[in-house]
Amino acid sequence: MYATLALLFLLFALVHSLTAAGFFKRRVGAALGLKGAAYRLAYNLLSVLSALPFAAYWLATREETPVLFSLPGLAALPLVLLKLAGAVIILASVVQTGARGFLGLEEERDRLVTSGLYARVRHPMYLGALLFIWATPELRALDALLYTLATLYLAFGIWIEERRLLARHGSAYEDYRSRVPAIFPRLRRR
């Protein structure tokens, strides 16, 4: 059960990473006649479709695994609020960077966003995702495996994103990176 979930998640990660890679976008996008927003829309649809097998398997089998952590009733409220905060951070990040471009409904704007949430952390979407997945009132063994794999994949995503942004924006991104933490906001600004 654990190996099956890990394999399905790794298959998703491979498809997601490969289709996001520049060389893949250029070759396959050109072969299929997809570029810009059209490629982004196809990429998003493929990402959702490739996530369905691991998500369906996880949802169908998670109840069969032992509970590692559980907070009943009102004791769960802080975690539910953190999960909600994670979802709000993700949505606000997408809106701030341009939801239509993110979804592939129009061309993405090639600009370095450093205001709003991005003034506090460089990768607020990843922060929101981490809060959303880990702030759970009940954690089962299969959940822990999936959340760990997702966290590792998010860390890989940050590494890739940092390289891409540095190559694209150069010294402006280097300056921004020196002032703003990657994922965990400082409690006080410098």
C-alpha atoms as a PDB file:
ATOM      1  CA  MET A   1       0.000   0.000   0.000  1.00  0.00           C
ATOM      2  CA  TYR A   2       2.753   2.467   0.962  1.00  0.00           C
ATOM      3  CA  ALA A   3       4.935   1.492  -2.000  1.00  0.00           C
ATOM      4  CA  THR A   4       1.979   1.837  -4.384  1.00  0.00           C
ATOM      5  CA  LEU A   5       1.202   5.345  -3.164  1.00  0.00           C
ATOM      6  CA  ALA A   6       4.874   6.337  -3.371  1.00  0.00           C
ATOM      7  CA  LEU A   7       5.116   4.969  -6.912  1.00  0.00           C
ATOM      8  CA  LEU A   8       1.944   6.774  -8.033  1.00  0.00           C
ATOM      9  CA  PHE A   9       3.149  10.035  -6.486  1.00  0.00           C
ATOM     10  CA  LEU A  10       6.591   9.692  -8.077  1.00  0.00           C
ATOM     11  CA  LEU A  11       4.923   9.094 -11.454  1.00  0.00           C
ATOM     12  CA  PHE A  12       2.960  12.333 -10.974  1.00  0.00           C
ATOM     13  CA  ALA A  13       6.155  14.166  -9.946  1.00  0.00           C
ATOM     14  CA  LEU A  14       7.977  12.882 -13.028  1.00  0.00           C
ATOM     15  CA  VAL A  15       5.197  13.976 -15.413  1.00  0.00           C
ATOM     16  CA  HIS A  16       4.796  17.331 -13.651  1.00  0.00           C
ATOM     17  CA  SER A  17       8.534  18.071 -13.623  1.00  0.00           C
ATOM     18  CA  LEU A  18       9.187  16.853 -17.159  1.00  0.00           C
ATOM     19  CA  THR A  19       6.367  18.900 -18.678  1.00  0.00           C
ATOM     20  CA  ALA A  20       7.551  21.989 -16.768  1.00  0.00           C
ATOM     21  CA  ALA A  21      11.133  21.663 -18.044  1.00  0.00           C
ATOM     22  CA  GLY A  22      12.220  24.198 -20.648  1.00  0.00           C
ATOM     23  CA  PHE A  23      13.596  21.646 -23.107  1.00  0.00           C
ATOM     24  CA  PHE A  24      10.324  19.683 -22.974  1.00  0.00           C
ATOM     25  CA  LYS A  25       8.228  22.810 -23.466  1.00  0.00           C
ATOM     26  CA  ARG A  26      10.268  23.789 -26.515  1.00  0.00           C
ATOM     27  CA  ARG A  27      10.318  20.377 -28.209  1.00  0.00           C
ATOM     28  CA  VAL A  28       6.885  19.008 -27.392  1.00  0.00           C
ATOM     29  CA  GLY A  29       5.199  22.392 -27.488  1.00  0.00           C
ATOM     30  CA  ALA A  30       6.584  22.994 -30.987  1.00  0.00           C
ATOM     31  CA  ALA A  31       5.657  19.481 -32.136  1.00  0.00           C
ATOM     32  CA  LEU A  32       2.075  19.911 -30.892  1.00  0.00           C
ATOM     33  CA  GLY A  33       1.793  23.559 -31.883  1.00  0.00           C
ATOM     34  CA  LEU A  34       1.394  24.665 -28.258  1.00  0.00           C
ATOM     35  CA  LYS A  35       3.155  27.725 -26.916  1.00  0.00           C
ATOM     36  CA  GLY A  36       2.621  30.334 -24.243  1.00  0.00           C
ATOM     37  CA  ALA A  37      -0.828  30.255 -22.672  1.00  0.00           C
ATOM     38  CA  ALA A  38      -1.926  27.206 -24.696  1.00  0.00           C
ATOM     39  CA  TYR A  39       1.008  25.182 -23.368  1.00  0.00           C
ATOM     40  CA  ARG A  40       0.343  26.413 -19.818  1.00  0.00           C
ATOM     41  CA  LEU A  41      -3.305  25.371 -20.036  1.00  0.00           C
ATOM     42  CA  ALA A  42      -2.352  21.921 -21.381  1.00  0.00           C
ATOM     43  CA  TYR A  43       0.311  21.614 -18.660  1.00  0.00           C
ATOM     44  CA  ASN A  44      -2.241  22.439 -15.948  1.00  0.00           C
ATOM     45  CA  LEU A  45      -4.745  19.931 -17.307  1.00  0.00           C
ATOM     46  CA  LEU A  46      -2.081  17.229 -17.555  1.00  0.00           C
ATOM     47  CA  SER A  47      -0.940  18.027 -14.003  1.00  0.00           C
ATOM     48  CA  VAL A  48      -4.460  17.523 -12.672  1.00  0.00           C
ATOM     49  CA  LEU A  49      -4.944  14.316 -14.656  1.00  0.00           C
ATOM     50  CA  SER A  50      -1.589  12.892 -13.531  1.00  0.00           C
ATOM     51  CA  ALA A  51      -2.447  13.661  -9.883  1.00  0.00           C
ATOM     52  CA  LEU A  52      -5.741  11.753 -10.017  1.00  0.00           C
ATOM     53  CA  PRO A  53      -4.270   8.231  -9.657  1.00  0.00           C
ATOM     54  CA  PHE A  54      -2.301   8.946  -6.463  1.00  0.00           C
ATOM     55  CA  ALA A  55      -5.083  11.103  -5.018  1.00  0.00           C
ATOM     56  CA  ALA A  56      -7.745   8.459  -5.684  1.00  0.00           C
ATOM     57  CA  TYR A  57      -5.550   5.682  -4.286  1.00  0.00           C
ATOM     58  CA  TRP A  58      -4.715   7.732  -1.180  1.00  0.00           C
ATOM     59  CA  LEU A  59      -8.350   8.602  -0.508  1.00  0.00           C
ATOM     60  CA  ALA A  60      -9.472   5.005  -1.051  1.00  0.00           C
ATOM     61  CA  THR A  61      -6.855   3.415   1.221  1.00  0.00           C
ATOM     62  CA  ARG A  62      -5.865   5.965   3.885  1.00  0.00           C
ATOM     63  CA  GLU A  63      -8.511   4.720   6.350  1.00  0.00           C
ATOM     64  CA  GLU A  64      -6.811   1.324   6.362  1.00  0.00           C
ATOM     65  CA  THR A  65      -3.647   2.765   7.921  1.00  0.00           C
ATOM     66  CA  PRO A  66      -3.058   3.563  11.586  1.00  0.00           C
ATOM     67  CA  VAL A  67      -3.805   6.977  13.088  1.00  0.00           C
ATOM     68  CA  LEU A  68      -0.574   8.701  14.142  1.00  0.00           C
ATOM     69  CA  PHE A  69      -2.135  11.886  15.455  1.00  0.00           C
ATOM     70  CA  SER A  70      -5.695  13.010  16.153  1.00  0.00           C
ATOM     71  CA  LEU A  71      -7.281  16.087  17.684  1.00  0.00           C
ATOM     72  CA  PRO A  72     -11.032  15.780  18.244  1.00  0.00           C
ATOM     73  CA  GLY A  73     -13.663  18.522  18.287  1.00  0.00           C
ATOM     74  CA  LEU A  74     -12.672  22.073  19.176  1.00  0.00           C
ATOM     75  CA  ALA A  75      -9.067  21.046  19.823  1.00  0.00           C
ATOM     76  CA  ALA A  76      -8.779  20.657  16.033  1.00  0.00           C
ATOM     77  CA  LEU A  77      -9.845  24.264  15.364  1.00  0.00           C
ATOM     78  CA  PRO A  78      -6.318  25.794  15.302  1.00  0.00           C
ATOM     79  CA  LEU A  79      -5.218  23.241  12.705  1.00  0.00           C
ATOM     80  CA  VAL A  80      -8.351  23.747  10.621  1.00  0.00           C
ATOM     81  CA  LEU A  81      -7.696  27.503  10.704  1.00  0.00           C
ATOM     82  CA  LEU A  82      -4.068  26.941   9.645  1.00  0.00           C
ATOM     83  CA  LYS A  83      -5.259  24.734   6.775  1.00  0.00           C
ATOM     84  CA  LEU A  84      -7.688  27.461   5.732  1.00  0.00           C
ATOM     85  CA  ALA A  85      -4.871  30.030   5.968  1.00  0.00           C
ATOM     86  CA  GLY A  86      -2.780  27.822   3.685  1.00  0.00           C
ATOM     87  CA  ALA A  87      -5.566  27.744   1.091  1.00  0.00           C
ATOM     88  CA  VAL A  88      -6.008  31.523   1.321  1.00  0.00           C
ATOM     89  CA  ILE A  89      -2.248  32.074   0.893  1.00  0.00           C
ATOM     90  CA  ILE A  90      -2.218  29.874  -2.219  1.00  0.00           C
ATOM     91  CA  LEU A  91      -5.183  31.671  -3.752  1.00  0.00           C
ATOM     92  CA  ALA A  92      -3.854  35.124  -2.866  1.00  0.00           C
ATOM     93  CA  SER A  93      -0.468  34.240  -4.406  1.00  0.00           C
ATOM     94  CA  VAL A  94      -2.092  33.098  -7.633  1.00  0.00           C
ATOM     95  CA  VAL A  95      -4.227  36.241  -7.791  1.00  0.00           C
ATOM     96  CA  GLN A  96      -1.235  38.470  -7.051  1.00  0.00           C
ATOM     97  CA  THR A  97       0.894  36.964  -9.823  1.00  0.00           C
ATOM     98  CA  GLY A  98      -1.990  36.820 -12.291  1.00  0.00           C
ATOM     99  CA  ALA A  99      -4.583  34.058 -12.033  1.00  0.00           C
ATOM    100  CA  ARG A 100      -5.453  34.033 -15.731  1.00  0.00           C
ATOM    101  CA  GLY A 101      -1.804  33.607 -16.706  1.00  0.00           C
ATOM    102  CA  PHE A 102      -1.257  30.970 -14.020  1.00  0.00           C
ATOM    103  CA  LEU A 103      -4.228  28.976 -15.317  1.00  0.00           C
ATOM    104  CA  GLY A 104      -3.182  29.320 -18.946  1.00  0.00           C
ATOM    105  CA  LEU A 105      -6.113  31.501 -19.972  1.00  0.00           C
ATOM    106  CA  GLU A 106      -3.790  34.295 -21.140  1.00  0.00           C
ATOM    107  CA  GLU A 107      -0.065  34.867 -21.522  1.00  0.00           C
ATOM    108  CA  GLU A 108       1.817  34.971 -18.242  1.00  0.00           C
ATOM    109  CA  ARG A 109       3.429  38.272 -17.408  1.00  0.00           C
ATOM    110  CA  ASP A 110       7.183  37.949 -17.139  1.00  0.00           C
ATOM    111  CA  ARG A 111       7.831  40.146 -14.125  1.00  0.00           C
ATOM    112  CA  LEU A 112       9.433  39.795 -10.740  1.00  0.00           C
ATOM    113  CA  VAL A 113       6.756  40.161  -8.067  1.00  0.00           C
ATOM    114  CA  THR A 114       8.202  41.467  -4.785  1.00  0.00           C
ATOM    115  CA  SER A 115       5.240  43.143  -3.120  1.00  0.00           C
ATOM    116  CA  GLY A 116       2.325  41.871  -1.045  1.00  0.00           C
ATOM    117  CA  LEU A 117       2.855  38.292   0.109  1.00  0.00           C
ATOM    118  CA  TYR A 118       6.054  38.210  -1.926  1.00  0.00           C
ATOM    119  CA  ALA A 119       7.510  40.944   0.284  1.00  0.00           C
ATOM    120  CA  ARG A 120       7.338  38.483   3.206  1.00  0.00           C
ATOM    121  CA  VAL A 121       8.417  35.238   1.491  1.00  0.00           C
ATOM    122  CA  ARG A 122       9.730  34.452  -1.988  1.00  0.00           C
ATOM    123  CA  HIS A 123       7.521  31.381  -2.402  1.00  0.00           C
ATOM    124  CA  PRO A 124       4.178  31.998  -0.688  1.00  0.00           C
ATOM    125  CA  MET A 125       2.410  29.336  -2.790  1.00  0.00           C
ATOM    126  CA  TYR A 126       4.744  26.703  -1.376  1.00  0.00           C
ATOM    127  CA  LEU A 127       4.225  28.042   2.151  1.00  0.00           C
ATOM    128  CA  GLY A 128       0.465  27.854   1.650  1.00  0.00           C
ATOM    129  CA  ALA A 129       0.750  24.315   0.290  1.00  0.00           C
ATOM    130  CA  LEU A 130       2.812  23.190   3.290  1.00  0.00           C
ATOM    131  CA  LEU A 131       0.313  24.685   5.712  1.00  0.00           C
ATOM    132  CA  PHE A 132      -2.569  23.135   3.810  1.00  0.00           C
ATOM    133  CA  ILE A 133      -1.158  19.622   3.741  1.00  0.00           C
ATOM    134  CA  TRP A 134       0.377  19.427   7.236  1.00  0.00           C
ATOM    135  CA  ALA A 135      -2.266  21.298   9.276  1.00  0.00           C
ATOM    136  CA  THR A 136      -4.517  18.298   9.690  1.00  0.00           C
ATOM    137  CA  PRO A 137      -6.477  17.295  12.788  1.00  0.00           C
ATOM    138  CA  GLU A 138      -5.991  13.612  11.964  1.00  0.00           C
ATOM    139  CA  LEU A 139      -2.780  12.219  10.531  1.00  0.00           C
ATOM    140  CA  ARG A 140      -2.688   8.619   9.372  1.00  0.00           C
ATOM    141  CA  ALA A 141       0.389   6.670   8.332  1.00  0.00           C
ATOM    142  CA  LEU A 142      -0.461   6.917   4.628  1.00  0.00           C
ATOM    143  CA  ASP A 143      -1.046  10.666   5.042  1.00  0.00           C
ATOM    144  CA  ALA A 144       2.394  11.037   6.594  1.00  0.00           C
ATOM    145  CA  LEU A 145       3.996   9.276   3.631  1.00  0.00           C
ATOM    146  CA  LEU A 146       2.125  11.394   1.077  1.00  0.00           C
ATOM    147  CA  TYR A 147       2.779  14.647   2.944  1.00  0.00           C
ATOM    148  CA  THR A 148       6.472  13.818   3.272  1.00  0.00           C
ATOM    149  CA  LEU A 149       6.751  13.050  -0.449  1.00  0.00           C
ATOM    150  CA  ALA A 150       4.857  16.251  -1.275  1.00  0.00           C
ATOM    151  CA  THR A 151       7.125  18.277   1.029  1.00  0.00           C
ATOM    152  CA  LEU A 152      10.238  16.860  -0.640  1.00  0.00           C
ATOM    153  CA  TYR A 153       8.748  17.625  -4.039  1.00  0.00           C
ATOM    154  CA  LEU A 154       7.941  21.189  -2.962  1.00  0.00           C
ATOM    155  CA  ALA A 155      11.540  21.616  -1.775  1.00  0.00           C
ATOM    156  CA  PHE A 156      12.701  20.405  -5.192  1.00  0.00           C
ATOM    157  CA  GLY A 157      10.262  22.854  -6.801  1.00  0.00           C
ATOM    158  CA  ILE A 158      11.707  25.730  -4.800  1.00  0.00           C
ATOM    159  CA  TRP A 159      15.219  24.769  -5.891  1.00  0.00           C
ATOM    160  CA  ILE A 160      14.160  24.681  -9.564  1.00  0.00           C
ATOM    161  CA  GLU A 161      12.174  27.919  -9.263  1.00  0.00           C
ATOM    162  CA  GLU A 162      15.120  29.718  -7.636  1.00  0.00           C
ATOM    163  CA  ARG A 163      17.408  28.735 -10.509  1.00  0.00           C
ATOM    164  CA  ARG A 164      14.824  29.795 -13.111  1.00  0.00           C
ATOM    165  CA  LEU A 165      14.163  33.170 -11.452  1.00  0.00           C
ATOM    166  CA  LEU A 166      17.860  33.889 -11.024  1.00  0.00           C
ATOM    167  CA  ALA A 167      18.517  33.102 -14.696  1.00  0.00           C
ATOM    168  CA  ARG A 168      15.559  35.219 -15.803  1.00  0.00           C
ATOM    169  CA  HIS A 169      15.947  38.251 -13.498  1.00  0.00           C
ATOM    170  CA  GLY A 170      19.648  38.202 -12.590  1.00  0.00           C
ATOM    171  CA  SER A 171      20.847  40.769 -10.055  1.00  0.00           C
ATOM    172  CA  ALA A 172      17.308  41.996  -9.323  1.00  0.00           C
ATOM    173  CA  TYR A 173      16.405  38.516  -8.111  1.00  0.00           C
ATOM    174  CA  GLU A 174      19.707  38.145  -6.271  1.00  0.00           C
ATOM    175  CA  ASP A 175      18.987  41.367  -4.379  1.00  0.00           C
ATOM    176  CA  TYR A 176      15.425  40.242  -3.622  1.00  0.00           C
ATOM    177  CA  ARG A 177      16.699  36.839  -2.480  1.00  0.00           C
ATOM    178  CA  SER A 178      19.157  38.489  -0.097  1.00  0.00           C
ATOM    179  CA  ARG A 179      16.334  40.459   1.582  1.00  0.00           C
ATOM    180  CA  VAL A 180      13.373  38.047   1.637  1.00  0.00           C
ATOM    181  CA  PRO A 181      13.348  34.511   3.076  1.00  0.00           C
ATOM    182  CA  ALA A 182      12.374  31.636   0.783  1.00  0.00           C
ATOM    183  CA  ILE A 183       9.495  30.106   2.690  1.00  0.00           C
ATOM    184  CA  PHE A 184       9.343  30.965   6.385  1.00  0.00           C
ATOM    185  CA  PRO A 185       8.528  34.645   6.933  1.00  0.00           C
ATOM    186  CA  ARG A 186      10.442  36.622   9.472  1.00  0.00           C
ATOM    187  CA  LEU A 187       8.337  37.826  12.335  1.00  0.00           C
ATOM    188  CA  ARG A 188       9.838  41.273  11.980  1.00  0.00           C
ATOM    189  CA  ARG A 189      11.010  43.026   8.843  1.00  0.00           C
ATOM    190  CA  ARG A 190      14.612  44.077   8.507  1.00  0.00           C
END
